Each structure stands twice: as structure tokens, then as C-alpha cells.
Amino acid sequence: MCEPINECVELRNPCHGGRCVDADDGYVCECVAGRGGPTCAERRESRLAEVNINDAAVAIIVACIILLFCKHSSSATLVDRDKSLLELQEFSR
């Protein structure tokens, strides 16, 4: 019977900075962010690098518009409520 071989040890961590996990039929690499491929040898852009300044600017503008709309809506509601209360007071006199 053959002894199982741990390729991670035998190959001295073949995962180029990633984590080597021994498997029944070899090994599997768990790559760090920015690396990929079977042995983590490929450089890959992380998702964070794909977000550019234009995307962030659009998100900020949309958030400001939503906040302004909500503030305006709640102010208008308060004015309408106060107006209704005044009309009710005048009616009840």
C-alpha cells in the first residue's frame, strides 16, 4: 500500500502566495485577492480596483438627490399638517 503524498509539502507550497490545500488527487490552491488560476500564478484585478471615481461620483450624487427629496417631502408634509391644523382651529371657532 502506498503512503499518501502531500503535494503542498513535497512541492514546497506551489500556490504562489496562496494557501495550498492537500486533496486526494493532488492539491487545490486558495488564492489571495488579485491572484488566480490553478496555482495562483495569474495576476487578476480585484473587484475593488474595477470601481472607478466616476462610479463613486454617481453614487454620491444619487444619494444627495434622494436625501434632498426625502427632506423636501417631509418638510412639505409638516407644512401641510400645520396648515390643516390652522384650518381646523378656524373652523371650530
N, C-alpha and C. Protein backbone atom coordinates (compact mmCIF):
# COMPACT_ATOMS: atom_id res chain seq x y z
N MET A 1 0.85 -1.19 0.00
CA MET A 1 0.00 0.00 0.00
C MET A 1 0.89 1.24 0.00
N CYS A 2 0.50 2.21 -0.76
CA CYS A 2 1.29 3.44 -0.90
C CYS A 2 0.92 4.45 0.17
N GLU A 3 1.90 5.21 0.60
CA GLU A 3 1.67 6.32 1.53
C GLU A 3 1.10 7.49 0.74
N PRO A 4 0.10 8.18 1.29
CA PRO A 4 -0.40 9.36 0.59
C PRO A 4 0.67 10.45 0.55
N ILE A 5 0.72 11.15 -0.56
CA ILE A 5 1.70 12.23 -0.73
C ILE A 5 1.00 13.57 -0.54
N ASN A 6 1.58 14.40 0.26
CA ASN A 6 1.08 15.76 0.45
C ASN A 6 1.86 16.66 -0.51
N GLU A 7 1.22 16.97 -1.65
CA GLU A 7 1.89 17.78 -2.67
C GLU A 7 2.23 19.18 -2.17
N CYS A 8 1.46 19.69 -1.23
CA CYS A 8 1.75 21.02 -0.70
C CYS A 8 3.12 21.06 -0.03
N VAL A 9 3.47 19.95 0.65
CA VAL A 9 4.76 19.87 1.32
C VAL A 9 5.84 19.49 0.30
N GLU A 10 5.54 18.48 -0.50
CA GLU A 10 6.52 17.97 -1.47
C GLU A 10 6.93 19.04 -2.48
N LEU A 11 5.96 19.83 -2.93
CA LEU A 11 6.24 20.86 -3.94
C LEU A 11 6.59 22.21 -3.31
N ARG A 12 6.68 22.24 -2.01
CA ARG A 12 7.02 23.47 -1.26
C ARG A 12 6.07 24.63 -1.57
N ASN A 13 4.81 24.40 -1.28
CA ASN A 13 3.74 25.39 -1.48
C ASN A 13 3.73 25.93 -2.91
N PRO A 14 3.11 25.21 -3.82
CA PRO A 14 3.09 25.58 -5.24
C PRO A 14 2.10 26.69 -5.58
N CYS A 15 1.51 27.30 -4.58
CA CYS A 15 0.39 28.22 -4.83
C CYS A 15 0.79 29.70 -4.91
N HIS A 16 2.02 30.02 -5.12
CA HIS A 16 2.48 31.40 -5.34
C HIS A 16 1.87 32.40 -4.37
N GLY A 17 2.00 32.14 -3.10
CA GLY A 17 1.49 33.06 -2.07
C GLY A 17 0.09 32.73 -1.60
N GLY A 18 -0.61 31.82 -2.31
CA GLY A 18 -1.93 31.40 -1.87
C GLY A 18 -1.82 30.27 -0.86
N ARG A 19 -2.94 29.76 -0.42
CA ARG A 19 -2.95 28.67 0.55
C ARG A 19 -3.11 27.35 -0.19
N CYS A 20 -2.21 26.42 0.05
CA CYS A 20 -2.24 25.10 -0.57
C CYS A 20 -3.04 24.15 0.32
N VAL A 21 -4.04 23.49 -0.28
CA VAL A 21 -4.86 22.53 0.44
C VAL A 21 -4.66 21.17 -0.21
N ASP A 22 -4.19 20.21 0.59
CA ASP A 22 -3.96 18.86 0.08
C ASP A 22 -5.30 18.20 -0.24
N ALA A 23 -5.36 17.50 -1.37
CA ALA A 23 -6.57 16.79 -1.79
C ALA A 23 -6.20 15.36 -2.14
N ASP A 24 -7.22 14.51 -2.27
CA ASP A 24 -6.97 13.10 -2.59
C ASP A 24 -6.21 12.92 -3.90
N ASP A 25 -6.53 13.73 -4.87
CA ASP A 25 -5.91 13.58 -6.18
C ASP A 25 -4.93 14.71 -6.52
N GLY A 26 -4.31 15.29 -5.53
CA GLY A 26 -3.35 16.37 -5.77
C GLY A 26 -3.47 17.46 -4.72
N TYR A 27 -3.67 18.66 -5.18
CA TYR A 27 -3.82 19.80 -4.27
C TYR A 27 -4.70 20.84 -4.94
N VAL A 28 -5.21 21.76 -4.12
CA VAL A 28 -6.03 22.87 -4.59
C VAL A 28 -5.46 24.13 -3.97
N CYS A 29 -5.37 25.18 -4.77
CA CYS A 29 -4.87 26.46 -4.26
C CYS A 29 -6.03 27.40 -3.96
N GLU A 30 -5.98 28.02 -2.81
CA GLU A 30 -6.91 29.10 -2.45
C GLU A 30 -6.12 30.39 -2.58
N CYS A 31 -6.43 31.15 -3.61
CA CYS A 31 -5.63 32.33 -3.97
C CYS A 31 -6.01 33.55 -3.14
N VAL A 32 -5.04 34.44 -2.96
CA VAL A 32 -5.28 35.72 -2.31
C VAL A 32 -5.89 36.67 -3.34
N ALA A 33 -6.47 37.77 -2.86
CA ALA A 33 -7.08 38.75 -3.76
C ALA A 33 -6.06 39.25 -4.77
N GLY A 34 -6.47 39.33 -6.01
CA GLY A 34 -5.59 39.81 -7.07
C GLY A 34 -4.82 38.71 -7.78
N ARG A 35 -4.98 37.46 -7.33
CA ARG A 35 -4.30 36.31 -7.95
C ARG A 35 -5.35 35.27 -8.32
N GLY A 36 -5.04 34.43 -9.32
CA GLY A 36 -5.98 33.39 -9.73
C GLY A 36 -5.29 32.30 -10.52
N GLY A 37 -6.09 31.38 -11.02
CA GLY A 37 -5.57 30.25 -11.78
C GLY A 37 -5.32 29.06 -10.87
N PRO A 38 -4.97 27.91 -11.47
CA PRO A 38 -4.79 26.69 -10.68
C PRO A 38 -3.68 26.79 -9.63
N THR A 39 -2.65 27.60 -9.88
CA THR A 39 -1.56 27.74 -8.91
C THR A 39 -1.40 29.19 -8.45
N CYS A 40 -2.43 30.00 -8.64
CA CYS A 40 -2.43 31.42 -8.22
C CYS A 40 -1.32 32.22 -8.91
N ALA A 41 -0.86 31.74 -10.06
CA ALA A 41 0.23 32.43 -10.76
C ALA A 41 -0.26 33.59 -11.61
N GLU A 42 -1.56 33.64 -11.89
CA GLU A 42 -2.10 34.68 -12.76
C GLU A 42 -2.47 35.91 -11.93
N ARG A 43 -2.05 37.07 -12.42
CA ARG A 43 -2.44 38.33 -11.77
C ARG A 43 -3.83 38.69 -12.27
N ARG A 44 -4.70 39.00 -11.35
CA ARG A 44 -6.08 39.39 -11.69
C ARG A 44 -6.42 40.66 -10.94
N GLU A 45 -7.19 41.48 -11.61
CA GLU A 45 -7.67 42.70 -10.96
C GLU A 45 -8.74 42.32 -9.95
N SER A 46 -8.67 42.90 -8.79
CA SER A 46 -9.72 42.66 -7.80
C SER A 46 -10.93 43.50 -8.15
N ARG A 47 -12.08 43.13 -7.65
CA ARG A 47 -13.32 43.86 -7.92
C ARG A 47 -13.23 45.29 -7.43
N LEU A 48 -12.53 45.51 -6.35
CA LEU A 48 -12.38 46.85 -5.81
C LEU A 48 -11.66 47.76 -6.80
N ALA A 49 -10.70 47.23 -7.53
CA ALA A 49 -9.96 48.03 -8.49
C ALA A 49 -10.82 48.42 -9.68
N GLU A 50 -11.92 47.67 -9.94
CA GLU A 50 -12.78 47.97 -11.06
C GLU A 50 -13.66 49.18 -10.81
N VAL A 51 -13.89 49.52 -9.56
CA VAL A 51 -14.71 50.69 -9.24
C VAL A 51 -13.86 51.93 -9.47
N ASN A 52 -14.30 52.76 -10.37
CA ASN A 52 -13.52 53.97 -10.64
C ASN A 52 -14.19 55.19 -10.02
N ILE A 53 -13.56 56.30 -10.13
CA ILE A 53 -14.04 57.52 -9.49
C ILE A 53 -15.39 57.96 -10.04
N ASN A 54 -15.67 57.67 -11.32
CA ASN A 54 -16.96 58.06 -11.90
C ASN A 54 -18.11 57.31 -11.22
N ASP A 55 -17.92 56.02 -10.93
CA ASP A 55 -18.95 55.26 -10.25
C ASP A 55 -19.22 55.83 -8.87
N ALA A 56 -18.18 56.19 -8.16
CA ALA A 56 -18.32 56.75 -6.82
C ALA A 56 -19.04 58.10 -6.88
N ALA A 57 -18.70 58.92 -7.87
CA ALA A 57 -19.33 60.23 -8.00
C ALA A 57 -20.82 60.09 -8.29
N VAL A 58 -21.18 59.17 -9.15
CA VAL A 58 -22.59 58.94 -9.47
C VAL A 58 -23.34 58.47 -8.21
N ALA A 59 -22.74 57.59 -7.46
CA ALA A 59 -23.38 57.10 -6.23
C ALA A 59 -23.61 58.24 -5.24
N ILE A 60 -22.65 59.12 -5.11
CA ILE A 60 -22.78 60.25 -4.18
C ILE A 60 -23.88 61.21 -4.65
N ILE A 61 -23.92 61.48 -5.93
CA ILE A 61 -24.95 62.38 -6.48
C ILE A 61 -26.34 61.80 -6.27
N VAL A 62 -26.50 60.51 -6.54
CA VAL A 62 -27.81 59.86 -6.35
C VAL A 62 -28.21 59.91 -4.88
N ALA A 63 -27.28 59.64 -3.98
CA ALA A 63 -27.58 59.69 -2.55
C ALA A 63 -28.02 61.09 -2.13
N CYS A 64 -27.36 62.12 -2.64
CA CYS A 64 -27.73 63.50 -2.30
C CYS A 64 -29.12 63.84 -2.80
N ILE A 65 -29.44 63.41 -4.02
CA ILE A 65 -30.77 63.68 -4.58
C ILE A 65 -31.84 63.00 -3.73
N ILE A 66 -31.58 61.76 -3.33
CA ILE A 66 -32.55 61.04 -2.51
C ILE A 66 -32.73 61.75 -1.16
N LEU A 67 -31.64 62.16 -0.54
CA LEU A 67 -31.73 62.86 0.74
C LEU A 67 -32.48 64.17 0.61
N LEU A 68 -32.19 64.92 -0.44
CA LEU A 68 -32.89 66.19 -0.65
C LEU A 68 -34.37 65.97 -0.89
N PHE A 69 -34.70 64.96 -1.67
CA PHE A 69 -36.11 64.66 -1.94
C PHE A 69 -36.84 64.28 -0.66
N CYS A 70 -36.20 63.42 0.15
CA CYS A 70 -36.83 62.99 1.40
C CYS A 70 -37.00 64.17 2.35
N LYS A 71 -36.00 65.04 2.43
CA LYS A 71 -36.08 66.21 3.31
C LYS A 71 -37.19 67.14 2.83
N HIS A 72 -37.26 67.37 1.52
CA HIS A 72 -38.29 68.24 0.95
C HIS A 72 -39.68 67.64 1.19
N SER A 73 -39.82 66.35 1.01
CA SER A 73 -41.11 65.69 1.20
C SER A 73 -41.56 65.80 2.65
N SER A 74 -40.66 65.57 3.59
CA SER A 74 -41.04 65.63 4.99
C SER A 74 -41.36 67.06 5.39
N SER A 75 -40.65 68.06 4.83
CA SER A 75 -40.94 69.47 5.13
C SER A 75 -42.30 69.85 4.59
N ALA A 76 -42.60 69.41 3.37
CA ALA A 76 -43.90 69.71 2.77
C ALA A 76 -45.01 69.07 3.59
N THR A 77 -44.80 67.90 4.09
CA THR A 77 -45.81 67.20 4.90
C THR A 77 -46.06 67.96 6.19
N LEU A 78 -45.02 68.46 6.82
CA LEU A 78 -45.19 69.23 8.05
C LEU A 78 -45.94 70.52 7.79
N VAL A 79 -45.64 71.21 6.68
CA VAL A 79 -46.34 72.44 6.34
C VAL A 79 -47.82 72.16 6.10
N ASP A 80 -48.10 71.08 5.35
CA ASP A 80 -49.49 70.70 5.08
C ASP A 80 -50.22 70.38 6.38
N ARG A 81 -49.54 69.68 7.30
CA ARG A 81 -50.16 69.32 8.58
C ARG A 81 -50.47 70.57 9.39
N ASP A 82 -49.52 71.51 9.45
CA ASP A 82 -49.74 72.75 10.21
C ASP A 82 -50.88 73.56 9.59
N LYS A 83 -50.93 73.59 8.27
CA LYS A 83 -51.99 74.32 7.57
C LYS A 83 -53.35 73.71 7.89
N SER A 84 -53.42 72.39 7.90
CA SER A 84 -54.67 71.70 8.20
C SER A 84 -55.11 71.97 9.64
N LEU A 85 -54.15 72.00 10.57
CA LEU A 85 -54.47 72.29 11.97
C LEU A 85 -55.03 73.70 12.13
N LEU A 86 -54.43 74.66 11.41
CA LEU A 86 -54.94 76.04 11.48
C LEU A 86 -56.35 76.13 10.92
N GLU A 87 -56.61 75.46 9.81
CA GLU A 87 -57.95 75.47 9.22
C GLU A 87 -58.96 74.83 10.18
N LEU A 88 -58.57 73.76 10.84
CA LEU A 88 -59.45 73.09 11.78
C LEU A 88 -59.75 74.00 12.98
N GLN A 89 -58.72 74.73 13.45
CA GLN A 89 -58.93 75.64 14.58
C GLN A 89 -59.90 76.77 14.18
N GLU A 90 -59.74 77.31 12.97
CA GLU A 90 -60.61 78.39 12.50
C GLU A 90 -62.04 77.89 12.32
N PHE A 91 -62.18 76.67 11.85
CA PHE A 91 -63.50 76.08 11.63
C PHE A 91 -64.23 75.85 12.96
N SER A 92 -63.47 75.45 13.98
CA SER A 92 -64.09 75.13 15.26
C SER A 92 -64.45 76.38 16.07
N ARG A 93 -64.04 77.55 15.66
CA ARG A 93 -64.36 78.79 16.40
C ARG A 93 -65.73 79.23 16.15
